[in-house]
C-alpha cells in the first residue's frame, strides 16, 4: 500500500470506528482490533496489546491514544494525524449536532428512555475488551488478585490510578530483576 493510500485508508478506517462505536474507548478496542489486526494486518496481536497498554497509561482519550500510537507506528507523524483525525471527527460532529438541537429534545421522555436502555449495553461493551485484554495479558486464576486489588484500590479507596501504574511498573521491574530471573 502506498503512503498516500495508507493515510486515506487509515482515516476512513478510524472514521468508521469512531462513527459506529458507542461506549467510548474501551468499547472501541475490539472493533479497532478486528480492523487493524484481523482485517488489515497492520500490526500483530502482541503489538496491539502493547499499544493498548501504553495508550491506557497515557493521559487522554483511549481511542485517540490508540489511533495516534498505531498511526505513528505505521507512518510516523502523518500516520498519527490521519488516524487520530479519523477517530475524533465523528464524535466532534455528533456532539456539535447534539449541542445545536439539544434544547429541542432534552425533556423528551422517549429520548430519556433510550439513554436508560443504552447504559447497560455500554457496560457490556466495556466488559468484553476487559476480559479479552485479561486473557491476552495472561491473567490467570493465580494472578487475578492483581487486577481485582488494583480496581478496588482505585474505586473504593480513591488511590490515584497514576500511582497504581507507577507502583505496578516498579513491582514488575523488581519481580523480573530480582525474584524471577529471565531464562
Foldseek 3Di string as FASTA:
>chain_A
DDPVVLLVVLLQQLLVLQQPFPQFDLLSLVVVCCPCCVPVNLDHPVVLLVQQVVLVLDDDGSQLSSQLVSLCVRPNPSRSVSNNCSNVVNVVVVVVVCVVCVVVPVPPPVVVVVVVVVVVVSVVSNVVSVVVSCVVVVPDPVRVVLVVVLVCCCPVVVDDPNVSVVVVVVVVVCCDPPPDDDD
